Amino acid sequence: MIGGISLVLDQTVKVGEFLKVGDVTGAIEEIGLRSIRLRTSDRTLVSVPIGQVASVSLENFSLRDKFWFHHILGLSYETTADQLRSVLAGIARLLSEHPAADRDSVRASFLRFGTSSFEIEMFAHFYAEDMGRFFGLQENLLLRIMDIVQSCGARIAIPTQALYVAPKATNGAARPEPETVAEQR
């Protein structure tokens, strides 16, 4: 009960804020003396006892000052080094010139040779009023990144696997070259 009173008086959390309390994530609908009621993203209502709130970590997403834009982009292995450089420069310019970007956090770099693509890491923090606005900003950025990739003549990779089937060796003889190649996309 004391925990509930201190939550209300200290205004640690408020109705409408989006929290993670232990393993439960949701928007606060009600703060009582014995429990906090959270509406989860799948629209269920969860009551978390105040005693539990006091004994677990409390993460308040509503108090974020920035949102993290972090994606890995795979470009097909047909992409040339010049195309890759152009895509990297275009993404870095897009992210750093965005008015909501924390320019010190912007990074677009060639991360690694992945199993089916050249992998580019895109990273930046963006100022946004709430998660919903950030999602709109993120969608716009991702669509513009697609435009950059296309304008540079590159293609986003589709994960592929190549299967090589060789005939069985007979009587210990060396295997001939594979006859069948099947590609799966």
N, C-alpha and C. Protein backbone atom coordinates (compact mmCIF):
# COMPACT_ATOMS: atom_id res chain seq x y z
N MET A 1 0.82 -1.19 0.00
CA MET A 1 0.00 0.00 0.00
C MET A 1 0.86 1.26 0.00
N ILE A 2 1.95 1.21 0.76
CA ILE A 2 2.87 2.34 0.82
C ILE A 2 3.50 2.57 -0.55
N GLY A 3 3.78 1.47 -1.27
CA GLY A 3 4.33 1.59 -2.62
C GLY A 3 3.37 2.32 -3.55
N GLY A 4 2.08 2.01 -3.45
CA GLY A 4 1.07 2.67 -4.29
C GLY A 4 0.97 4.15 -3.99
N ILE A 5 1.01 4.48 -2.70
CA ILE A 5 0.94 5.89 -2.30
C ILE A 5 2.16 6.65 -2.81
N SER A 6 3.34 6.03 -2.69
CA SER A 6 4.55 6.72 -3.16
C SER A 6 4.57 6.87 -4.68
N LEU A 7 4.04 5.89 -5.41
CA LEU A 7 3.95 6.02 -6.88
C LEU A 7 3.07 7.19 -7.27
N VAL A 8 1.95 7.35 -6.58
CA VAL A 8 1.01 8.43 -6.88
C VAL A 8 1.60 9.78 -6.45
N LEU A 9 2.11 9.86 -5.23
CA LEU A 9 2.63 11.13 -4.73
C LEU A 9 3.90 11.58 -5.45
N ASP A 10 4.81 10.64 -5.71
CA ASP A 10 6.05 10.99 -6.40
C ASP A 10 5.85 11.19 -7.90
N GLN A 11 4.70 10.78 -8.41
CA GLN A 11 4.38 10.83 -9.83
C GLN A 11 5.49 10.16 -10.66
N THR A 12 5.94 8.99 -10.16
CA THR A 12 6.94 8.20 -10.87
C THR A 12 6.42 7.81 -12.24
N VAL A 13 5.17 7.42 -12.30
CA VAL A 13 4.51 7.08 -13.55
C VAL A 13 3.14 7.75 -13.58
N LYS A 14 2.61 7.94 -14.79
CA LYS A 14 1.31 8.60 -14.95
C LYS A 14 0.44 7.79 -15.91
N VAL A 15 -0.86 7.96 -15.77
CA VAL A 15 -1.80 7.33 -16.68
C VAL A 15 -1.48 7.79 -18.10
N GLY A 16 -1.47 6.82 -19.04
CA GLY A 16 -1.18 7.12 -20.44
C GLY A 16 0.26 6.81 -20.84
N GLU A 17 1.18 6.71 -19.87
CA GLU A 17 2.57 6.41 -20.20
C GLU A 17 2.72 4.94 -20.57
N PHE A 18 3.75 4.67 -21.36
CA PHE A 18 4.02 3.32 -21.85
C PHE A 18 5.19 2.75 -21.06
N LEU A 19 4.97 1.64 -20.35
CA LEU A 19 5.96 1.08 -19.43
C LEU A 19 6.29 -0.36 -19.74
N LYS A 20 7.42 -0.76 -19.17
CA LYS A 20 7.75 -2.18 -19.07
C LYS A 20 8.01 -2.43 -17.59
N VAL A 21 7.18 -3.28 -17.01
CA VAL A 21 7.29 -3.65 -15.60
C VAL A 21 7.62 -5.13 -15.57
N GLY A 22 8.87 -5.48 -15.29
CA GLY A 22 9.29 -6.87 -15.36
C GLY A 22 9.15 -7.37 -16.79
N ASP A 23 8.29 -8.36 -17.01
CA ASP A 23 8.08 -8.92 -18.35
C ASP A 23 6.85 -8.36 -19.04
N VAL A 24 6.13 -7.45 -18.39
CA VAL A 24 4.88 -6.92 -18.93
C VAL A 24 5.12 -5.53 -19.51
N THR A 25 4.64 -5.32 -20.74
CA THR A 25 4.78 -4.02 -21.41
C THR A 25 3.40 -3.53 -21.81
N GLY A 26 3.12 -2.25 -21.53
CA GLY A 26 1.83 -1.70 -21.92
C GLY A 26 1.66 -0.27 -21.47
N ALA A 27 0.52 0.31 -21.84
CA ALA A 27 0.17 1.68 -21.47
C ALA A 27 -0.60 1.65 -20.16
N ILE A 28 -0.27 2.57 -19.28
CA ILE A 28 -0.96 2.64 -17.99
C ILE A 28 -2.37 3.15 -18.19
N GLU A 29 -3.35 2.38 -17.73
CA GLU A 29 -4.74 2.81 -17.77
C GLU A 29 -5.22 3.29 -16.41
N GLU A 30 -4.64 2.72 -15.36
CA GLU A 30 -5.09 3.10 -14.01
C GLU A 30 -3.99 2.81 -13.01
N ILE A 31 -3.82 3.72 -12.06
CA ILE A 31 -2.88 3.52 -10.96
C ILE A 31 -3.69 3.51 -9.67
N GLY A 32 -3.67 2.38 -8.99
CA GLY A 32 -4.39 2.26 -7.73
C GLY A 32 -3.43 2.11 -6.58
N LEU A 33 -3.96 1.97 -5.39
CA LEU A 33 -3.11 1.78 -4.21
C LEU A 33 -2.52 0.38 -4.15
N ARG A 34 -3.20 -0.60 -4.78
CA ARG A 34 -2.72 -1.97 -4.73
C ARG A 34 -2.14 -2.47 -6.05
N SER A 35 -2.48 -1.83 -7.18
CA SER A 35 -1.99 -2.33 -8.47
C SER A 35 -1.97 -1.22 -9.52
N ILE A 36 -1.23 -1.52 -10.58
CA ILE A 36 -1.22 -0.69 -11.79
C ILE A 36 -1.83 -1.54 -12.89
N ARG A 37 -2.74 -0.96 -13.66
CA ARG A 37 -3.34 -1.70 -14.77
C ARG A 37 -2.72 -1.22 -16.07
N LEU A 38 -2.18 -2.18 -16.81
CA LEU A 38 -1.52 -1.90 -18.09
C LEU A 38 -2.30 -2.53 -19.23
N ARG A 39 -2.48 -1.77 -20.32
CA ARG A 39 -3.10 -2.29 -21.54
C ARG A 39 -1.96 -2.68 -22.46
N THR A 40 -1.83 -3.97 -22.76
CA THR A 40 -0.73 -4.46 -23.59
C THR A 40 -1.00 -4.18 -25.07
N SER A 41 0.01 -4.40 -25.89
CA SER A 41 -0.15 -4.15 -27.33
C SER A 41 -1.15 -5.08 -27.99
N ASP A 42 -1.38 -6.26 -27.40
CA ASP A 42 -2.42 -7.14 -27.95
C ASP A 42 -3.77 -6.91 -27.28
N ARG A 43 -3.89 -5.76 -26.58
CA ARG A 43 -5.13 -5.22 -26.04
C ARG A 43 -5.65 -5.95 -24.81
N THR A 44 -4.81 -6.75 -24.16
CA THR A 44 -5.23 -7.36 -22.90
C THR A 44 -4.95 -6.37 -21.77
N LEU A 45 -5.64 -6.55 -20.67
CA LEU A 45 -5.45 -5.70 -19.50
C LEU A 45 -4.75 -6.52 -18.43
N VAL A 46 -3.61 -6.04 -17.96
CA VAL A 46 -2.82 -6.76 -16.96
C VAL A 46 -2.74 -5.91 -15.70
N SER A 47 -3.07 -6.51 -14.57
CA SER A 47 -2.91 -5.82 -13.28
C SER A 47 -1.60 -6.28 -12.66
N VAL A 48 -0.73 -5.31 -12.38
CA VAL A 48 0.56 -5.61 -11.76
C VAL A 48 0.51 -5.12 -10.32
N PRO A 49 0.66 -6.01 -9.35
CA PRO A 49 0.63 -5.59 -7.95
C PRO A 49 1.74 -4.57 -7.65
N ILE A 50 1.41 -3.58 -6.84
CA ILE A 50 2.36 -2.53 -6.48
C ILE A 50 3.62 -3.13 -5.86
N GLY A 51 3.46 -4.19 -5.08
CA GLY A 51 4.62 -4.84 -4.47
C GLY A 51 5.59 -5.35 -5.52
N GLN A 52 5.05 -5.86 -6.62
CA GLN A 52 5.89 -6.34 -7.71
C GLN A 52 6.57 -5.17 -8.40
N VAL A 53 5.86 -4.06 -8.58
CA VAL A 53 6.43 -2.88 -9.22
C VAL A 53 7.64 -2.39 -8.42
N ALA A 54 7.54 -2.44 -7.11
CA ALA A 54 8.62 -1.98 -6.24
C ALA A 54 9.83 -2.90 -6.29
N SER A 55 9.64 -4.18 -6.67
CA SER A 55 10.75 -5.14 -6.61
C SER A 55 11.36 -5.48 -7.97
N VAL A 56 10.83 -4.92 -9.06
CA VAL A 56 11.41 -5.19 -10.39
C VAL A 56 11.80 -3.87 -11.05
N SER A 57 12.58 -4.00 -12.11
CA SER A 57 12.96 -2.78 -12.82
C SER A 57 11.75 -2.22 -13.56
N LEU A 58 11.68 -0.92 -13.61
CA LEU A 58 10.58 -0.20 -14.25
C LEU A 58 11.17 0.63 -15.38
N GLU A 59 10.76 0.34 -16.61
CA GLU A 59 11.27 1.07 -17.77
C GLU A 59 10.14 1.89 -18.36
N ASN A 60 10.30 3.21 -18.38
CA ASN A 60 9.27 4.12 -18.88
C ASN A 60 9.65 4.59 -20.28
N PHE A 61 9.01 3.99 -21.30
CA PHE A 61 9.31 4.33 -22.69
C PHE A 61 8.82 5.74 -23.03
N SER A 62 7.83 6.23 -22.33
CA SER A 62 7.26 7.54 -22.62
C SER A 62 8.23 8.67 -22.31
N LEU A 63 9.23 8.42 -21.49
CA LEU A 63 10.17 9.47 -21.12
C LEU A 63 11.43 9.47 -21.98
N ARG A 64 11.41 8.74 -23.06
CA ARG A 64 12.57 8.74 -23.96
C ARG A 64 12.78 10.13 -24.52
N ASP A 65 14.05 10.50 -24.63
CA ASP A 65 14.34 11.76 -25.29
C ASP A 65 14.66 11.55 -26.77
N LYS A 66 15.04 10.31 -27.12
CA LYS A 66 15.36 9.97 -28.52
C LYS A 66 14.92 8.53 -28.77
N PHE A 67 14.72 8.22 -30.04
CA PHE A 67 14.37 6.87 -30.47
C PHE A 67 15.49 6.35 -31.36
N TRP A 68 15.76 5.06 -31.25
CA TRP A 68 16.87 4.44 -31.95
C TRP A 68 16.42 3.88 -33.29
N PHE A 69 16.98 4.39 -34.36
CA PHE A 69 16.79 3.86 -35.71
C PHE A 69 17.99 2.96 -35.96
N HIS A 70 17.77 1.66 -36.06
CA HIS A 70 18.87 0.72 -36.24
C HIS A 70 18.40 -0.42 -37.12
N HIS A 71 18.98 -0.50 -38.31
CA HIS A 71 18.60 -1.55 -39.26
C HIS A 71 19.84 -2.07 -39.97
N ILE A 72 19.75 -3.31 -40.41
CA ILE A 72 20.77 -3.90 -41.26
C ILE A 72 20.16 -4.07 -42.64
N LEU A 73 20.82 -3.51 -43.63
CA LEU A 73 20.37 -3.58 -45.02
C LEU A 73 21.29 -4.52 -45.78
N GLY A 74 20.71 -5.50 -46.47
CA GLY A 74 21.50 -6.42 -47.27
C GLY A 74 21.41 -6.06 -48.74
N LEU A 75 22.56 -5.84 -49.38
CA LEU A 75 22.60 -5.58 -50.82
C LEU A 75 23.11 -6.83 -51.52
N SER A 76 22.57 -7.10 -52.70
CA SER A 76 22.94 -8.32 -53.42
C SER A 76 24.43 -8.32 -53.75
N TYR A 77 24.98 -9.52 -53.91
CA TYR A 77 26.40 -9.66 -54.21
C TYR A 77 26.75 -9.19 -55.62
N GLU A 78 25.76 -8.85 -56.42
CA GLU A 78 26.02 -8.26 -57.74
C GLU A 78 26.36 -6.77 -57.62
N THR A 79 26.19 -6.19 -56.44
CA THR A 79 26.48 -4.77 -56.21
C THR A 79 27.97 -4.53 -56.37
N THR A 80 28.34 -3.50 -57.13
CA THR A 80 29.75 -3.16 -57.30
C THR A 80 30.23 -2.32 -56.11
N ALA A 81 31.53 -2.21 -55.97
CA ALA A 81 32.11 -1.41 -54.88
C ALA A 81 31.68 0.06 -55.02
N ASP A 82 31.64 0.58 -56.24
CA ASP A 82 31.22 1.97 -56.44
C ASP A 82 29.75 2.15 -56.06
N GLN A 83 28.90 1.20 -56.42
CA GLN A 83 27.49 1.28 -56.04
C GLN A 83 27.35 1.24 -54.52
N LEU A 84 28.12 0.37 -53.88
CA LEU A 84 28.08 0.26 -52.43
C LEU A 84 28.50 1.57 -51.77
N ARG A 85 29.56 2.19 -52.28
CA ARG A 85 30.00 3.49 -51.75
C ARG A 85 28.91 4.55 -51.93
N SER A 86 28.25 4.54 -53.08
CA SER A 86 27.19 5.52 -53.34
C SER A 86 26.00 5.32 -52.40
N VAL A 87 25.63 4.08 -52.17
CA VAL A 87 24.53 3.79 -51.25
C VAL A 87 24.90 4.25 -49.84
N LEU A 88 26.10 3.93 -49.40
CA LEU A 88 26.54 4.35 -48.06
C LEU A 88 26.51 5.87 -47.91
N ALA A 89 27.02 6.58 -48.91
CA ALA A 89 27.05 8.05 -48.86
C ALA A 89 25.63 8.61 -48.86
N GLY A 90 24.75 8.04 -49.68
CA GLY A 90 23.38 8.51 -49.75
C GLY A 90 22.63 8.31 -48.44
N ILE A 91 22.81 7.15 -47.81
CA ILE A 91 22.15 6.87 -46.54
C ILE A 91 22.69 7.79 -45.45
N ALA A 92 24.01 7.94 -45.39
CA ALA A 92 24.60 8.82 -44.38
C ALA A 92 24.09 10.26 -44.54
N ARG A 93 24.00 10.71 -45.77
CA ARG A 93 23.49 12.07 -46.04
C ARG A 93 22.02 12.18 -45.63
N LEU A 94 21.20 11.19 -45.99
CA LEU A 94 19.79 11.19 -45.63
C LEU A 94 19.60 11.28 -44.12
N LEU A 95 20.31 10.42 -43.39
CA LEU A 95 20.15 10.40 -41.94
C LEU A 95 20.67 11.67 -41.28
N SER A 96 21.83 12.15 -41.69
CA SER A 96 22.42 13.31 -41.02
C SER A 96 21.71 14.61 -41.37
N GLU A 97 21.06 14.69 -42.53
CA GLU A 97 20.35 15.91 -42.90
C GLU A 97 18.91 15.96 -42.40
N HIS A 98 18.44 14.87 -41.81
CA HIS A 98 17.06 14.86 -41.31
C HIS A 98 16.96 15.82 -40.13
N PRO A 99 15.94 16.68 -40.10
CA PRO A 99 15.85 17.67 -39.03
C PRO A 99 15.67 17.09 -37.63
N ALA A 100 15.18 15.87 -37.50
CA ALA A 100 14.98 15.27 -36.18
C ALA A 100 16.15 14.40 -35.74
N ALA A 101 17.21 14.33 -36.55
CA ALA A 101 18.33 13.45 -36.24
C ALA A 101 19.27 14.06 -35.21
N ASP A 102 19.79 13.22 -34.34
CA ASP A 102 20.92 13.59 -33.50
C ASP A 102 22.15 13.31 -34.37
N ARG A 103 22.69 14.34 -34.98
CA ARG A 103 23.74 14.18 -35.99
C ARG A 103 25.00 13.46 -35.46
N ASP A 104 25.26 13.57 -34.18
CA ASP A 104 26.43 12.89 -33.61
C ASP A 104 26.27 11.37 -33.57
N SER A 105 25.06 10.90 -33.70
CA SER A 105 24.82 9.46 -33.60
C SER A 105 24.73 8.76 -34.96
N VAL A 106 24.73 9.51 -36.05
CA VAL A 106 24.49 8.93 -37.38
C VAL A 106 25.66 8.06 -37.82
N ARG A 107 25.29 6.87 -38.31
CA ARG A 107 26.31 5.97 -38.87
C ARG A 107 25.68 5.13 -39.97
N ALA A 108 26.35 5.06 -41.08
CA ALA A 108 26.00 4.14 -42.17
C ALA A 108 27.32 3.51 -42.60
N SER A 109 27.49 2.22 -42.33
CA SER A 109 28.78 1.61 -42.61
C SER A 109 28.61 0.20 -43.17
N PHE A 110 29.61 -0.17 -43.98
CA PHE A 110 29.67 -1.52 -44.53
C PHE A 110 30.08 -2.42 -43.38
N LEU A 111 29.17 -3.27 -42.95
CA LEU A 111 29.34 -4.06 -41.74
C LEU A 111 30.10 -5.36 -42.00
N ARG A 112 29.66 -6.12 -43.02
CA ARG A 112 30.29 -7.42 -43.25
C ARG A 112 29.79 -8.03 -44.56
N PHE A 113 30.50 -9.08 -44.96
CA PHE A 113 30.07 -9.93 -46.06
C PHE A 113 29.16 -10.98 -45.43
N GLY A 114 27.86 -10.84 -45.61
CA GLY A 114 26.90 -11.78 -45.01
C GLY A 114 26.80 -13.05 -45.83
N THR A 115 25.99 -13.98 -45.37
CA THR A 115 25.84 -15.25 -46.08
C THR A 115 25.23 -15.08 -47.46
N SER A 116 24.37 -14.07 -47.63
CA SER A 116 23.76 -13.89 -48.95
C SER A 116 23.73 -12.43 -49.39
N SER A 117 24.52 -11.57 -48.72
CA SER A 117 24.49 -10.15 -49.09
C SER A 117 25.66 -9.39 -48.48
N PHE A 118 25.91 -8.20 -49.05
CA PHE A 118 26.76 -7.21 -48.40
C PHE A 118 25.87 -6.53 -47.36
N GLU A 119 26.30 -6.49 -46.11
CA GLU A 119 25.44 -5.96 -45.06
C GLU A 119 25.89 -4.56 -44.64
N ILE A 120 24.93 -3.65 -44.66
CA ILE A 120 25.15 -2.26 -44.26
C ILE A 120 24.40 -2.03 -42.95
N GLU A 121 25.10 -1.45 -41.98
CA GLU A 121 24.44 -1.09 -40.72
C GLU A 121 24.07 0.38 -40.78
N MET A 122 22.81 0.67 -40.47
CA MET A 122 22.30 2.05 -40.43
C MET A 122 21.89 2.32 -39.01
N PHE A 123 22.36 3.45 -38.47
CA PHE A 123 22.18 3.71 -37.05
C PHE A 123 22.06 5.21 -36.83
N ALA A 124 21.08 5.63 -36.05
CA ALA A 124 20.95 7.03 -35.65
C ALA A 124 19.90 7.13 -34.56
N HIS A 125 19.99 8.17 -33.77
CA HIS A 125 18.95 8.50 -32.81
C HIS A 125 18.15 9.66 -33.37
N PHE A 126 16.82 9.59 -33.18
CA PHE A 126 15.94 10.64 -33.67
C PHE A 126 15.08 11.17 -32.53
N TYR A 127 14.91 12.48 -32.52
CA TYR A 127 14.01 13.12 -31.56
C TYR A 127 12.59 12.97 -32.09
N ALA A 128 11.69 12.49 -31.27
CA ALA A 128 10.28 12.35 -31.64
C ALA A 128 9.45 12.46 -30.37
N GLU A 129 8.25 12.99 -30.52
CA GLU A 129 7.38 13.20 -29.36
C GLU A 129 6.94 11.89 -28.72
N ASP A 130 6.72 10.87 -29.54
CA ASP A 130 6.29 9.58 -29.01
C ASP A 130 6.63 8.49 -30.00
N MET A 131 6.38 7.26 -29.59
CA MET A 131 6.74 6.11 -30.41
C MET A 131 5.97 6.09 -31.74
N GLY A 132 4.70 6.50 -31.71
CA GLY A 132 3.90 6.53 -32.93
C GLY A 132 4.51 7.46 -33.98
N ARG A 133 4.95 8.63 -33.56
CA ARG A 133 5.59 9.56 -34.51
C ARG A 133 6.91 9.02 -35.01
N PHE A 134 7.64 8.35 -34.12
CA PHE A 134 8.90 7.75 -34.56
C PHE A 134 8.65 6.69 -35.62
N PHE A 135 7.61 5.86 -35.44
CA PHE A 135 7.32 4.83 -36.43
C PHE A 135 7.02 5.45 -37.80
N GLY A 136 6.30 6.57 -37.82
CA GLY A 136 6.05 7.27 -39.08
C GLY A 136 7.33 7.79 -39.70
N LEU A 137 8.19 8.37 -38.88
CA LEU A 137 9.49 8.88 -39.34
C LEU A 137 10.33 7.72 -39.89
N GLN A 138 10.35 6.61 -39.17
CA GLN A 138 11.12 5.43 -39.59
C GLN A 138 10.63 4.89 -40.93
N GLU A 139 9.32 4.81 -41.10
CA GLU A 139 8.77 4.31 -42.37
C GLU A 139 9.20 5.19 -43.53
N ASN A 140 9.13 6.50 -43.34
CA ASN A 140 9.55 7.43 -44.38
C ASN A 140 11.03 7.24 -44.71
N LEU A 141 11.87 7.09 -43.69
CA LEU A 141 13.30 6.89 -43.92
C LEU A 141 13.57 5.60 -44.68
N LEU A 142 12.91 4.52 -44.30
CA LEU A 142 13.13 3.23 -44.97
C LEU A 142 12.72 3.30 -46.44
N LEU A 143 11.61 3.97 -46.73
CA LEU A 143 11.19 4.12 -48.14
C LEU A 143 12.20 4.95 -48.92
N ARG A 144 12.72 6.00 -48.29
CA ARG A 144 13.72 6.83 -48.97
C ARG A 144 15.04 6.08 -49.16
N ILE A 145 15.36 5.18 -48.23
CA ILE A 145 16.56 4.34 -48.39
C ILE A 145 16.38 3.40 -49.57
N MET A 146 15.17 2.87 -49.75
CA MET A 146 14.89 2.05 -50.93
C MET A 146 15.13 2.85 -52.20
N ASP A 147 14.68 4.12 -52.21
CA ASP A 147 14.92 4.99 -53.37
C ASP A 147 16.40 5.18 -53.63
N ILE A 148 17.19 5.36 -52.57
CA ILE A 148 18.64 5.55 -52.71
C ILE A 148 19.27 4.31 -53.34
N VAL A 149 18.90 3.14 -52.83
CA VAL A 149 19.45 1.88 -53.37
C VAL A 149 19.13 1.77 -54.86
N GLN A 150 17.88 2.03 -55.24
CA GLN A 150 17.49 1.93 -56.65
C GLN A 150 18.20 2.96 -57.51
N SER A 151 18.34 4.19 -57.01
CA SER A 151 18.97 5.24 -57.81
C SER A 151 20.47 4.99 -58.02
N CYS A 152 21.07 4.20 -57.14
CA CYS A 152 22.49 3.85 -57.30
C CYS A 152 22.69 2.62 -58.18
N GLY A 153 21.60 2.04 -58.64
CA GLY A 153 21.68 0.86 -59.50
C GLY A 153 21.91 -0.44 -58.74
N ALA A 154 21.76 -0.40 -57.43
CA ALA A 154 21.95 -1.60 -56.61
C ALA A 154 20.60 -2.26 -56.35
N ARG A 155 20.65 -3.45 -55.75
CA ARG A 155 19.42 -4.17 -55.41
C ARG A 155 19.50 -4.69 -53.98
N ILE A 156 18.37 -4.65 -53.31
CA ILE A 156 18.28 -5.24 -51.99
C ILE A 156 18.33 -6.76 -52.16
N ALA A 157 19.11 -7.41 -51.33
CA ALA A 157 19.33 -8.85 -51.47
C ALA A 157 18.11 -9.65 -51.04
N ILE A 158 17.93 -10.75 -51.72
CA ILE A 158 16.96 -11.75 -51.34
C ILE A 158 17.78 -12.93 -50.84
N PRO A 159 17.54 -13.40 -49.62
CA PRO A 159 18.33 -14.53 -49.13
C PRO A 159 18.23 -15.71 -50.09
N THR A 160 19.37 -16.26 -50.45
CA THR A 160 19.40 -17.39 -51.38
C THR A 160 20.27 -18.50 -50.82
N GLN A 161 20.04 -19.69 -51.35
CA GLN A 161 20.89 -20.83 -51.06
C GLN A 161 21.13 -21.57 -52.36
N ALA A 162 22.35 -21.98 -52.58
CA ALA A 162 22.66 -22.77 -53.78
C ALA A 162 22.88 -24.21 -53.34
N LEU A 163 22.30 -25.13 -54.08
CA LEU A 163 22.44 -26.55 -53.77
C LEU A 163 23.14 -27.22 -54.95
N TYR A 164 24.29 -27.80 -54.69
CA TYR A 164 25.04 -28.48 -55.74
C TYR A 164 24.88 -29.98 -55.53
N VAL A 165 24.44 -30.67 -56.56
CA VAL A 165 24.23 -32.11 -56.48
C VAL A 165 25.24 -32.77 -57.40
N ALA A 166 26.10 -33.60 -56.84
CA ALA A 166 27.11 -34.30 -57.62
C ALA A 166 26.73 -35.77 -57.72
N PRO A 167 27.05 -36.37 -58.83
CA PRO A 167 26.76 -37.81 -58.95
C PRO A 167 27.64 -38.61 -57.98
N LYS A 168 27.17 -39.78 -57.57
CA LYS A 168 27.94 -40.62 -56.65
C LYS A 168 29.18 -41.14 -57.36
N ALA A 169 30.27 -41.20 -56.60
CA ALA A 169 31.51 -41.77 -57.15
C ALA A 169 31.35 -43.28 -57.22
N THR A 170 31.91 -43.87 -58.23
CA THR A 170 31.81 -45.33 -58.37
C THR A 170 33.20 -45.94 -58.28
N ASN A 171 33.31 -47.06 -57.58
CA ASN A 171 34.55 -47.84 -57.45
C ASN A 171 35.74 -46.98 -57.05
N GLY A 172 35.54 -46.01 -56.17
CA GLY A 172 36.65 -45.20 -55.67
C GLY A 172 37.16 -44.19 -56.68
N ALA A 173 36.52 -44.06 -57.82
CA ALA A 173 36.97 -43.10 -58.83
C ALA A 173 36.67 -41.68 -58.37
N ALA A 174 37.42 -40.74 -58.90
CA ALA A 174 37.20 -39.34 -58.56
C ALA A 174 35.83 -38.89 -59.05
N ARG A 175 35.22 -37.98 -58.31
CA ARG A 175 33.91 -37.48 -58.68
C ARG A 175 34.04 -36.50 -59.84
N PRO A 176 33.16 -36.62 -60.81
CA PRO A 176 33.14 -35.63 -61.88
C PRO A 176 32.54 -34.31 -61.36
N GLU A 177 32.61 -33.25 -62.14
CA GLU A 177 32.04 -31.96 -61.79
C GLU A 177 30.53 -32.11 -61.57
N PRO A 178 29.95 -31.29 -60.70
CA PRO A 178 28.50 -31.35 -60.47
C PRO A 178 27.72 -31.12 -61.76
N GLU A 179 26.63 -31.88 -61.91
CA GLU A 179 25.82 -31.75 -63.11
C GLU A 179 24.60 -30.88 -62.88
N THR A 180 24.13 -30.81 -61.66
CA THR A 180 22.88 -30.11 -61.38
C THR A 180 23.13 -29.00 -60.37
N VAL A 181 22.60 -27.84 -60.68
CA VAL A 181 22.67 -26.73 -59.72
C VAL A 181 21.24 -26.22 -59.55
N ALA A 182 20.77 -26.20 -58.33
CA ALA A 182 19.43 -25.68 -58.05
C ALA A 182 19.59 -24.48 -57.12
N GLU A 183 18.90 -23.42 -57.43
CA GLU A 183 18.96 -22.23 -56.60
C GLU A 183 17.59 -21.99 -55.97
N GLN A 184 17.61 -21.69 -54.67
CA GLN A 184 16.37 -21.47 -53.94
C GLN A 184 16.35 -20.03 -53.48
N ARG A 185 15.24 -19.35 -53.69
CA ARG A 185 15.09 -17.96 -53.23
C ARG A 185 13.96 -17.86 -52.27
